[in-house]
Amino acid sequence: MTEPVEERKPTVVADDVHLTYKISGRYANRGGALALARTVTGASKPGMREVKAVRGVSFTAWEGEAIGLIGPNGSGKSTLLRGIAGLLTPSSGAVYTRGEPALLGVNAALISTMSGERNITLGCLAMGMTPQDVEERFDDICEFSGIGDFISLPMNAYSSGMGARLRFAIASSKSHDILLIDEALATGDAEFRRRSERRIQELRKEAGTVFLVSHSLGVVRETCDRAIWLEEGQILMDGPTDDVLDAYQEKHDPKKAAQRREQRRAAEEAAAKKKADDEKAIRAVG
């Protein structure tokens, strides 16, 4: 008798989502706003202007998926995460979620003038843990963060990377229906990234959905089974990670794309040679 196939459950549905910012006209040509000049509407005179950061994005995320959001600076990746988390209200369209999204867990709850130790307690309690839960997980969070003796210092003494690692350690100490990670895995050494990647795999096995924003395509390849490519607030491609990242590199880094094709060709040739050698050895024994 055939066992019934378990139906996948959607966790996030984005339906024609538009997200906008309003900025003061006197800042419109400064800093990062300059990169968004093409998407700014309104007259040139001083006043409030509207920046269309995400424009008509639609997708469905499923239980157990890890989805990488890729794209150049200013493409709307982090803005989309904030929309999924409910921190930004769409100007049109809608985001539907099953469960409570956590944007790296506890950013808003952490206090820079308090020590890392105190922030672990505060952050875990903010996520709904009991004091006993915090006590049981405290040492693991400290070890996972990898910031050593700095854990007893106030967070305003941390580098941005150390703060990101501690936030990820706190957030990932609890299973989430939807975990949203913005560049946390780009910080720290290779060992921290490996631990983070293993933790993401564990969260997926617990039926969670993970969204990861990263400029490191290597991290996305290792961590995610699906990728969404954004440019100027719109989705250019959504599909299996390797397919999307290969297409992205073809556009933005053709040299890297050519190197990857050569590496793949060499790996395929090596695998074919090994298979032929193994078959030859079996025939010789026979």
C-alpha atoms as a PDB file:
ATOM      1  CA  MET A   1       0.000   0.000   0.000  1.00  0.00           C
ATOM      2  CA  THR A   2       1.417   3.381  -1.003  1.00  0.00           C
ATOM      3  CA  GLU A   3       2.002   5.776   1.861  1.00  0.00           C
ATOM      4  CA  PRO A   4       0.273   9.158   1.495  1.00  0.00           C
ATOM      5  CA  VAL A   5       2.566  11.962   0.363  1.00  0.00           C
ATOM      6  CA  GLU A   6       2.861  14.637   3.035  1.00  0.00           C
ATOM      7  CA  GLU A   7       1.599  17.936   1.689  1.00  0.00           C
ATOM      8  CA  ARG A   8       3.948  20.895   1.932  1.00  0.00           C
ATOM      9  CA  LYS A   9       2.642  23.860   3.858  1.00  0.00           C
ATOM     10  CA  PRO A  10       3.206  27.487   2.845  1.00  0.00           C
ATOM     11  CA  THR A  11       4.759  29.693   5.526  1.00  0.00           C
ATOM     12  CA  VAL A  12       5.067  33.039   3.720  1.00  0.00           C
ATOM     13  CA  VAL A  13       3.024  34.348   0.801  1.00  0.00           C
ATOM     14  CA  ALA A  14       3.982  37.690  -0.744  1.00  0.00           C
ATOM     15  CA  ASP A  15       1.218  38.966  -3.011  1.00  0.00           C
ATOM     16  CA  ASP A  16       2.266  41.838  -5.310  1.00  0.00           C
ATOM     17  CA  VAL A  17       4.105  43.572  -2.444  1.00  0.00           C
ATOM     18  CA  HIS A  18       5.196  47.193  -2.795  1.00  0.00           C
ATOM     19  CA  LEU A  19       7.320  48.760  -0.021  1.00  0.00           C
ATOM     20  CA  THR A  20       8.244  52.432  -0.025  1.00  0.00           C
ATOM     21  CA  TYR A  21      10.295  54.844   2.049  1.00  0.00           C
ATOM     22  CA  LYS A  22       9.853  58.565   2.404  1.00  0.00           C
ATOM     23  CA  ILE A  23      13.000  60.667   2.630  1.00  0.00           C
ATOM     24  CA  SER A  24      13.664  64.354   3.032  1.00  0.00           C
ATOM     25  CA  GLY A  25      14.505  66.161  -0.200  1.00  0.00           C
ATOM     26  CA  ARG A  26      17.691  67.690   1.235  1.00  0.00           C
ATOM     27  CA  TYR A  27      19.115  64.163   1.773  1.00  0.00           C
ATOM     28  CA  ALA A  28      17.931  62.752  -1.540  1.00  0.00           C
ATOM     29  CA  ASN A  29      21.314  63.123  -3.241  1.00  0.00           C
ATOM     30  CA  ARG A  30      23.490  61.961  -0.362  1.00  0.00           C
ATOM     31  CA  GLY A  31      25.008  58.632   0.562  1.00  0.00           C
ATOM     32  CA  GLY A  32      23.011  55.492  -0.198  1.00  0.00           C
ATOM     33  CA  ALA A  33      20.060  57.531  -1.452  1.00  0.00           C
ATOM     34  CA  LEU A  34      22.077  58.407  -4.542  1.00  0.00           C
ATOM     35  CA  ALA A  35      22.111  54.750  -5.575  1.00  0.00           C
ATOM     36  CA  LEU A  36      18.316  54.798  -5.469  1.00  0.00           C
ATOM     37  CA  ALA A  37      17.974  57.929  -7.574  1.00  0.00           C
ATOM     38  CA  ARG A  38      16.366  56.023 -10.431  1.00  0.00           C
ATOM     39  CA  THR A  39      13.517  54.907  -8.191  1.00  0.00           C
ATOM     40  CA  VAL A  40      12.810  58.257  -6.514  1.00  0.00           C
ATOM     41  CA  THR A  41       9.638  59.989  -7.593  1.00  0.00           C
ATOM     42  CA  GLY A  42       8.484  63.549  -7.096  1.00  0.00           C
ATOM     43  CA  ALA A  43       9.675  67.016  -7.928  1.00  0.00           C
ATOM     44  CA  SER A  44      13.254  68.215  -7.460  1.00  0.00           C
ATOM     45  CA  LYS A  45      12.347  70.829  -4.875  1.00  0.00           C
ATOM     46  CA  PRO A  46      13.024  70.127  -1.156  1.00  0.00           C
ATOM     47  CA  GLY A  47      10.391  68.133   0.702  1.00  0.00           C
ATOM     48  CA  MET A  48       9.447  64.524   1.215  1.00  0.00           C
ATOM     49  CA  ARG A  49      10.160  62.084  -1.586  1.00  0.00           C
ATOM     50  CA  GLU A  50       9.036  58.531  -2.015  1.00  0.00           C
ATOM     51  CA  VAL A  51      11.554  55.758  -2.691  1.00  0.00           C
ATOM     52  CA  LYS A  52      10.076  52.596  -4.158  1.00  0.00           C
ATOM     53  CA  ALA A  53      12.344  49.980  -2.565  1.00  0.00           C
ATOM     54  CA  VAL A  54      10.277  46.849  -3.386  1.00  0.00           C
ATOM     55  CA  ARG A  55       8.019  46.849  -6.438  1.00  0.00           C
ATOM     56  CA  GLY A  56       5.441  44.151  -7.112  1.00  0.00           C
ATOM     57  CA  VAL A  57       7.148  41.170  -5.458  1.00  0.00           C
ATOM     58  CA  SER A  58       5.217  37.883  -5.319  1.00  0.00           C
ATOM     59  CA  PHE A  59       6.354  34.446  -4.113  1.00  0.00           C
ATOM     60  CA  THR A  60       5.406  31.576  -1.808  1.00  0.00           C
ATOM     61  CA  ALA A  61       7.821  30.114   0.745  1.00  0.00           C
ATOM     62  CA  TRP A  62       7.304  26.590   2.019  1.00  0.00           C
ATOM     63  CA  GLU A  63       7.900  24.788   5.277  1.00  0.00           C
ATOM     64  CA  GLY A  64      11.473  23.497   5.560  1.00  0.00           C
ATOM     65  CA  GLU A  65      12.953  25.769   2.878  1.00  0.00           C
ATOM     66  CA  ALA A  66      16.075  27.902   3.196  1.00  0.00           C
ATOM     67  CA  ILE A  67      15.831  30.793   0.748  1.00  0.00           C
ATOM     68  CA  GLY A  68      18.710  33.073  -0.142  1.00  0.00           C
ATOM     69  CA  LEU A  69      17.905  36.638  -1.188  1.00  0.00           C
ATOM     70  CA  ILE A  70      20.599  37.969  -3.507  1.00  0.00           C
ATOM     71  CA  GLY A  71      21.128  41.152  -5.483  1.00  0.00           C
ATOM     72  CA  PRO A  72      23.347  44.229  -5.660  1.00  0.00           C
ATOM     73  CA  ASN A  73      23.257  46.992  -3.060  1.00  0.00           C
ATOM     74  CA  GLY A  74      19.979  48.880  -3.130  1.00  0.00           C
ATOM     75  CA  SER A  75      18.045  46.025  -4.708  1.00  0.00           C
ATOM     76  CA  GLY A  76      15.521  45.791  -1.847  1.00  0.00           C
ATOM     77  CA  LYS A  77      16.698  42.612  -0.079  1.00  0.00           C
ATOM     78  CA  SER A  78      16.804  43.953   3.477  1.00  0.00           C
ATOM     79  CA  THR A  79      13.658  45.998   2.923  1.00  0.00           C
ATOM     80  CA  LEU A  80      11.823  42.855   1.829  1.00  0.00           C
ATOM     81  CA  LEU A  81      12.963  41.062   4.999  1.00  0.00           C
ATOM     82  CA  ARG A  82      11.557  43.897   7.097  1.00  0.00           C
ATOM     83  CA  GLY A  83       8.292  43.634   5.196  1.00  0.00           C
ATOM     84  CA  ILE A  84       8.081  39.887   5.872  1.00  0.00           C
ATOM     85  CA  ALA A  85       8.858  40.540   9.543  1.00  0.00           C
ATOM     86  CA  GLY A  86       5.958  43.002   9.749  1.00  0.00           C
ATOM     87  CA  LEU A  87       8.232  45.966  10.513  1.00  0.00           C
ATOM     88  CA  LEU A  88       7.187  47.737   7.293  1.00  0.00           C
ATOM     89  CA  THR A  89       3.601  47.952   6.030  1.00  0.00           C
ATOM     90  CA  PRO A  90       3.213  47.443   2.280  1.00  0.00           C
ATOM     91  CA  SER A  91       1.988  50.503   0.387  1.00  0.00           C
ATOM     92  CA  SER A  92       0.062  47.981  -1.711  1.00  0.00           C
ATOM     93  CA  GLY A  93      -0.183  44.209  -1.858  1.00  0.00           C
ATOM     94  CA  ALA A  94       0.103  42.003   1.211  1.00  0.00           C
ATOM     95  CA  VAL A  95       2.362  39.583   3.099  1.00  0.00           C
ATOM     96  CA  TYR A  96       0.734  36.545   4.734  1.00  0.00           C
ATOM     97  CA  THR A  97       2.667  34.426   7.237  1.00  0.00           C
ATOM     98  CA  ARG A  98       1.944  31.235   9.117  1.00  0.00           C
ATOM     99  CA  GLY A  99       3.614  31.637  12.481  1.00  0.00           C
ATOM    100  CA  GLU A 100       5.649  34.506  13.877  1.00  0.00           C
ATOM    101  CA  PRO A 101       8.575  35.772  11.769  1.00  0.00           C
ATOM    102  CA  ALA A 102      11.767  36.660  13.642  1.00  0.00           C
ATOM    103  CA  LEU A 103      14.189  39.119  12.035  1.00  0.00           C
ATOM    104  CA  LEU A 104      17.432  37.780  13.485  1.00  0.00           C
ATOM    105  CA  GLY A 105      15.340  37.237  16.574  1.00  0.00           C
ATOM    106  CA  VAL A 106      15.886  40.024  19.042  1.00  0.00           C
ATOM    107  CA  ASN A 107      17.583  43.104  17.541  1.00  0.00           C
ATOM    108  CA  ALA A 108      15.097  45.499  19.091  1.00  0.00           C
ATOM    109  CA  ALA A 109      15.421  43.941  22.530  1.00  0.00           C
ATOM    110  CA  LEU A 110      19.205  44.167  22.885  1.00  0.00           C
ATOM    111  CA  ILE A 111      20.639  47.124  24.810  1.00  0.00           C
ATOM    112  CA  SER A 112      24.081  48.384  23.819  1.00  0.00           C
ATOM    113  CA  THR A 113      25.021  49.627  27.288  1.00  0.00           C
ATOM    114  CA  MET A 114      24.404  46.201  28.846  1.00  0.00           C
ATOM    115  CA  SER A 115      26.809  43.279  28.788  1.00  0.00           C
ATOM    116  CA  GLY A 116      26.511  40.403  26.359  1.00  0.00           C
ATOM    117  CA  GLU A 117      25.594  38.175  29.293  1.00  0.00           C
ATOM    118  CA  ARG A 118      22.696  40.403  30.284  1.00  0.00           C
ATOM    119  CA  ASN A 119      21.578  40.709  26.680  1.00  0.00           C
ATOM    120  CA  ILE A 120      21.463  36.931  26.314  1.00  0.00           C
ATOM    121  CA  THR A 121      19.026  36.788  29.219  1.00  0.00           C
ATOM    122  CA  LEU A 122      17.028  39.750  27.934  1.00  0.00           C
ATOM    123  CA  GLY A 123      16.918  38.463  24.361  1.00  0.00           C
ATOM    124  CA  CYS A 124      15.875  34.949  25.309  1.00  0.00           C
ATOM    125  CA  LEU A 125      13.114  36.219  27.594  1.00  0.00           C
ATOM    126  CA  ALA A 126      11.926  38.517  24.769  1.00  0.00           C
ATOM    127  CA  MET A 127      11.567  35.424  22.561  1.00  0.00           C
ATOM    128  CA  GLY A 128       9.283  33.811  25.134  1.00  0.00           C
ATOM    129  CA  MET A 129      11.716  31.523  26.950  1.00  0.00           C
ATOM    130  CA  THR A 130      11.327  30.854  30.649  1.00  0.00           C
ATOM    131  CA  PRO A 131      14.132  31.728  33.092  1.00  0.00           C
ATOM    132  CA  GLN A 132      14.867  27.993  33.319  1.00  0.00           C
ATOM    133  CA  ASP A 133      15.158  27.790  29.507  1.00  0.00           C
ATOM    134  CA  VAL A 134      17.610  30.698  29.561  1.00  0.00           C
ATOM    135  CA  GLU A 135      19.738  29.045  32.230  1.00  0.00           C
ATOM    136  CA  GLU A 136      19.845  25.765  30.293  1.00  0.00           C
ATOM    137  CA  ARG A 137      20.892  27.408  27.012  1.00  0.00           C
ATOM    138  CA  PHE A 138      23.106  30.189  28.325  1.00  0.00           C
ATOM    139  CA  ASP A 139      26.469  28.403  28.037  1.00  0.00           C
ATOM    140  CA  ASP A 140      25.672  27.078  24.561  1.00  0.00           C
ATOM    141  CA  ILE A 141      24.796  30.593  23.351  1.00  0.00           C
ATOM    142  CA  CYS A 142      28.052  32.008  24.739  1.00  0.00           C
ATOM    143  CA  GLU A 143      30.084  29.244  23.119  1.00  0.00           C
ATOM    144  CA  PHE A 144      28.243  29.495  19.795  1.00  0.00           C
ATOM    145  CA  SER A 145      28.797  33.252  19.520  1.00  0.00           C
ATOM    146  CA  GLY A 146      32.555  32.741  19.795  1.00  0.00           C
ATOM    147  CA  ILE A 147      33.219  36.176  21.302  1.00  0.00           C
ATOM    148  CA  GLY A 148      35.066  34.829  24.355  1.00  0.00           C
ATOM    149  CA  ASP A 149      35.697  37.177  27.281  1.00  0.00           C
ATOM    150  CA  PHE A 150      33.888  40.013  25.512  1.00  0.00           C
ATOM    151  CA  ILE A 151      30.659  38.386  26.664  1.00  0.00           C
ATOM    152  CA  SER A 152      31.053  40.208  30.004  1.00  0.00           C
ATOM    153  CA  LEU A 153      31.560  43.633  28.362  1.00  0.00           C
ATOM    154  CA  PRO A 154      28.820  46.022  27.227  1.00  0.00           C
ATOM    155  CA  MET A 155      27.750  45.528  23.614  1.00  0.00           C
ATOM    156  CA  ASN A 156      28.808  49.030  22.637  1.00  0.00           C
ATOM    157  CA  ALA A 157      32.389  47.743  23.024  1.00  0.00           C
ATOM    158  CA  TYR A 158      31.768  45.069  20.350  1.00  0.00           C
ATOM    159  CA  SER A 159      32.606  45.266  16.687  1.00  0.00           C
ATOM    160  CA  SER A 160      29.627  45.065  14.339  1.00  0.00           C
ATOM    161  CA  GLY A 161      30.613  41.480  13.516  1.00  0.00           C
ATOM    162  CA  MET A 162      30.706  40.432  17.178  1.00  0.00           C
ATOM    163  CA  GLY A 163      27.292  41.971  17.766  1.00  0.00           C
ATOM    164  CA  ALA A 164      25.860  40.169  14.738  1.00  0.00           C
ATOM    165  CA  ARG A 165      27.291  36.834  15.902  1.00  0.00           C
ATOM    166  CA  LEU A 166      25.799  37.254  19.366  1.00  0.00           C
ATOM    167  CA  ARG A 167      22.400  38.177  17.924  1.00  0.00           C
ATOM    168  CA  PHE A 168      22.475  35.132  15.677  1.00  0.00           C
ATOM    169  CA  ALA A 169      23.505  32.891  18.590  1.00  0.00           C
ATOM    170  CA  ILE A 170      20.581  34.181  20.665  1.00  0.00           C
ATOM    171  CA  ALA A 171      18.039  34.055  17.843  1.00  0.00           C
ATOM    172  CA  SER A 172      18.990  30.553  16.706  1.00  0.00           C
ATOM    173  CA  SER A 173      18.874  29.126  20.229  1.00  0.00           C
ATOM    174  CA  LYS A 174      15.123  28.778  19.749  1.00  0.00           C
ATOM    175  CA  SER A 175      13.262  27.166  16.867  1.00  0.00           C
ATOM    176  CA  HIS A 176      11.308  29.644  14.753  1.00  0.00           C
ATOM    177  CA  ASP A 177       8.524  29.176  12.256  1.00  0.00           C
ATOM    178  CA  ILE A 178      10.219  31.825  10.096  1.00  0.00           C
ATOM    179  CA  LEU A 179      13.767  33.058  10.750  1.00  0.00           C
ATOM    180  CA  LEU A 180      15.009  36.076   8.778  1.00  0.00           C
ATOM    181  CA  ILE A 181      18.786  36.577   8.712  1.00  0.00           C
ATOM    182  CA  ASP A 182      20.406  39.699   7.277  1.00  0.00           C
ATOM    183  CA  GLU A 183      24.146  39.208   6.602  1.00  0.00           C
ATOM    184  CA  ALA A 184      24.913  37.576   9.984  1.00  0.00           C
ATOM    185  CA  LEU A 185      26.758  34.693   8.343  1.00  0.00           C
ATOM    186  CA  ALA A 186      29.137  37.076   6.586  1.00  0.00           C
ATOM    187  CA  THR A 187      30.728  37.818   9.952  1.00  0.00           C
ATOM    188  CA  GLY A 188      33.211  35.767  11.904  1.00  0.00           C
ATOM    189  CA  ASP A 189      35.636  33.104  10.847  1.00  0.00           C
ATOM    190  CA  ALA A 190      35.083  29.985   8.776  1.00  0.00           C
ATOM    191  CA  GLU A 191      34.294  27.901  11.862  1.00  0.00           C
ATOM    192  CA  PHE A 192      31.498  30.274  12.917  1.00  0.00           C
ATOM    193  CA  ARG A 193      30.023  30.122   9.418  1.00  0.00           C
ATOM    194  CA  ARG A 194      30.100  26.324   9.491  1.00  0.00           C
ATOM    195  CA  ARG A 195      28.342  26.278  12.860  1.00  0.00           C
ATOM    196  CA  SER A 196      25.759  28.744  11.562  1.00  0.00           C
ATOM    197  CA  GLU A 197      25.124  26.693   8.446  1.00  0.00           C
ATOM    198  CA  ARG A 198      24.646  23.538  10.540  1.00  0.00           C
ATOM    199  CA  ARG A 199      22.227  25.405  12.790  1.00  0.00           C
ATOM    200  CA  ILE A 200      20.190  26.582   9.801  1.00  0.00           C
ATOM    201  CA  GLN A 201      19.938  22.986   8.588  1.00  0.00           C
ATOM    202  CA  GLU A 202      18.676  21.982  12.048  1.00  0.00           C
ATOM    203  CA  LEU A 203      16.045  24.724  11.965  1.00  0.00           C
ATOM    204  CA  ARG A 204      14.865  23.518   8.565  1.00  0.00           C
ATOM    205  CA  LYS A 205      14.522  19.944   9.857  1.00  0.00           C
ATOM    206  CA  GLU A 206      12.318  21.325  12.613  1.00  0.00           C
ATOM    207  CA  ALA A 207       9.953  22.527   9.836  1.00  0.00           C
ATOM    208  CA  GLY A 208      11.097  26.134  10.008  1.00  0.00           C
ATOM    209  CA  THR A 209      11.621  28.420   7.019  1.00  0.00           C
ATOM    210  CA  VAL A 210      14.822  30.444   6.791  1.00  0.00           C
ATOM    211  CA  PHE A 211      15.422  33.560   4.688  1.00  0.00           C
ATOM    212  CA  LEU A 212      19.049  34.627   4.311  1.00  0.00           C
ATOM    213  CA  VAL A 213      20.285  37.918   2.860  1.00  0.00           C
ATOM    214  CA  SER A 214      23.968  37.698   1.995  1.00  0.00           C
ATOM    215  CA  HIS A 215      26.443  39.166  -0.472  1.00  0.00           C
ATOM    216  CA  SER A 216      28.483  35.966  -0.103  1.00  0.00           C
ATOM    217  CA  LEU A 217      27.265  33.672  -2.860  1.00  0.00           C
ATOM    218  CA  GLY A 218      29.336  30.867  -1.338  1.00  0.00           C
ATOM    219  CA  VAL A 219      27.346  31.052   1.901  1.00  0.00           C
ATOM    220  CA  VAL A 220      24.066  31.019  -0.036  1.00  0.00           C
ATOM    221  CA  ARG A 221      25.200  28.000  -2.105  1.00  0.00           C
ATOM    222  CA  GLU A 222      26.163  26.082   1.033  1.00  0.00           C
ATOM    223  CA  THR A 223      23.103  27.047   3.073  1.00  0.00           C
ATOM    224  CA  CYS A 224      20.085  27.490   0.814  1.00  0.00           C
ATOM    225  CA  ASP A 225      18.189  25.203  -1.554  1.00  0.00           C
ATOM    226  CA  ARG A 226      16.374  28.092  -3.237  1.00  0.00           C
ATOM    227  CA  ALA A 227      17.361  31.644  -4.194  1.00  0.00           C
ATOM    228  CA  ILE A 228      15.456  34.779  -5.140  1.00  0.00           C
ATOM    229  CA  TRP A 229      17.350  37.365  -7.207  1.00  0.00           C
ATOM    230  CA  LEU A 230      16.218  40.974  -6.699  1.00  0.00           C
ATOM    231  CA  GLU A 231      17.223  44.045  -8.698  1.00  0.00           C
ATOM    232  CA  GLU A 232      15.745  47.526  -8.314  1.00  0.00           C
ATOM    233  CA  GLY A 233      13.039  46.101  -6.076  1.00  0.00           C
ATOM    234  CA  GLN A 234      11.822  43.427  -8.489  1.00  0.00           C
ATOM    235  CA  ILE A 235      12.364  39.675  -8.772  1.00  0.00           C
ATOM    236  CA  LEU A 236      14.499  38.757 -11.775  1.00  0.00           C
ATOM    237  CA  MET A 237      14.708  35.029 -11.004  1.00  0.00           C
ATOM    238  CA  ASP A 238      13.396  32.548  -8.412  1.00  0.00           C
ATOM    239  CA  GLY A 239      14.471  28.917  -8.416  1.00  0.00           C
ATOM    240  CA  PRO A 240      17.095  26.329  -7.369  1.00  0.00           C
ATOM    241  CA  THR A 241      20.098  28.014  -5.780  1.00  0.00           C
ATOM    242  CA  ASP A 242      22.751  26.942  -8.284  1.00  0.00           C
ATOM    243  CA  ASP A 243      20.632  27.970 -11.289  1.00  0.00           C
ATOM    244  CA  VAL A 244      19.860  31.423  -9.873  1.00  0.00           C
ATOM    245  CA  LEU A 245      23.383  32.125  -8.635  1.00  0.00           C
ATOM    246  CA  ASP A 246      24.947  30.998 -11.907  1.00  0.00           C
ATOM    247  CA  ALA A 247      22.684  33.387 -13.835  1.00  0.00           C
ATOM    248  CA  TYR A 248      23.457  36.186 -11.357  1.00  0.00           C
ATOM    249  CA  GLN A 249      27.194  35.676 -11.783  1.00  0.00           C
ATOM    250  CA  GLU A 250      26.868  35.624 -15.560  1.00  0.00           C
ATOM    251  CA  LYS A 251      25.467  39.148 -15.348  1.00  0.00           C
ATOM    252  CA  HIS A 252      27.513  40.662 -12.527  1.00  0.00           C
ATOM    253  CA  ASP A 253      30.759  38.662 -12.527  1.00  0.00           C
ATOM    254  CA  PRO A 254      31.311  36.841 -15.853  1.00  0.00           C
ATOM    255  CA  LYS A 255      34.894  35.926 -14.889  1.00  0.00           C
ATOM    256  CA  LYS A 256      33.720  34.112 -11.759  1.00  0.00           C
ATOM    257  CA  ALA A 257      30.957  32.443 -13.759  1.00  0.00           C
ATOM    258  CA  ALA A 258      33.518  31.159 -16.274  1.00  0.00           C
ATOM    259  CA  GLN A 259      35.720  29.853 -13.445  1.00  0.00           C
ATOM    260  CA  ARG A 260      32.754  28.031 -11.930  1.00  0.00           C
ATOM    261  CA  ARG A 261      31.877  26.440 -15.278  1.00  0.00           C
ATOM    262  CA  GLU A 262      35.479  25.262 -15.632  1.00  0.00           C
ATOM    263  CA  GLN A 263      35.477  23.838 -12.099  1.00  0.00           C
ATOM    264  CA  ARG A 264      32.204  22.035 -12.765  1.00  0.00           C
ATOM    265  CA  ARG A 265      33.560  20.626 -16.054  1.00  0.00           C
ATOM    266  CA  ALA A 266      36.735  19.410 -14.323  1.00  0.00           C
ATOM    267  CA  ALA A 267      34.702  17.806 -11.519  1.00  0.00           C
ATOM    268  CA  GLU A 268      32.456  16.036 -14.035  1.00  0.00           C
ATOM    269  CA  GLU A 269      35.482  14.743 -15.965  1.00  0.00           C
ATOM    270  CA  ALA A 270      37.102  13.514 -12.744  1.00  0.00           C
ATOM    271  CA  ALA A 271      33.890  11.734 -11.722  1.00  0.00           C
ATOM    272  CA  ALA A 272      33.562  10.109 -15.153  1.00  0.00           C
ATOM    273  CA  LYS A 273      37.203   8.947 -15.041  1.00  0.00           C
ATOM    274  CA  LYS A 274      36.753   7.493 -11.550  1.00  0.00           C
ATOM    275  CA  LYS A 275      33.627   5.634 -12.666  1.00  0.00           C
ATOM    276  CA  ALA A 276      35.472   4.228 -15.700  1.00  0.00           C
ATOM    277  CA  ASP A 277      38.453   3.191 -13.558  1.00  0.00           C
ATOM    278  CA  ASP A 278      36.138   1.490 -11.033  1.00  0.00           C
ATOM    279  CA  GLU A 279      34.351  -0.422 -13.802  1.00  0.00           C
ATOM    280  CA  LYS A 280      37.689  -1.459 -15.272  1.00  0.00           C
ATOM    281  CA  ALA A 281      38.879  -2.711 -11.879  1.00  0.00           C
ATOM    282  CA  ILE A 282      35.667  -4.717 -11.389  1.00  0.00           C
ATOM    283  CA  ARG A 283      36.052  -6.340 -14.808  1.00  0.00           C
ATOM    284  CA  ALA A 284      39.662  -7.180 -14.017  1.00  0.00           C
ATOM    285  CA  VAL A 285      38.696  -8.898 -10.757  1.00  0.00           C
ATOM    286  CA  GLY A 286      35.873 -10.750 -12.475  1.00  0.00           C
END
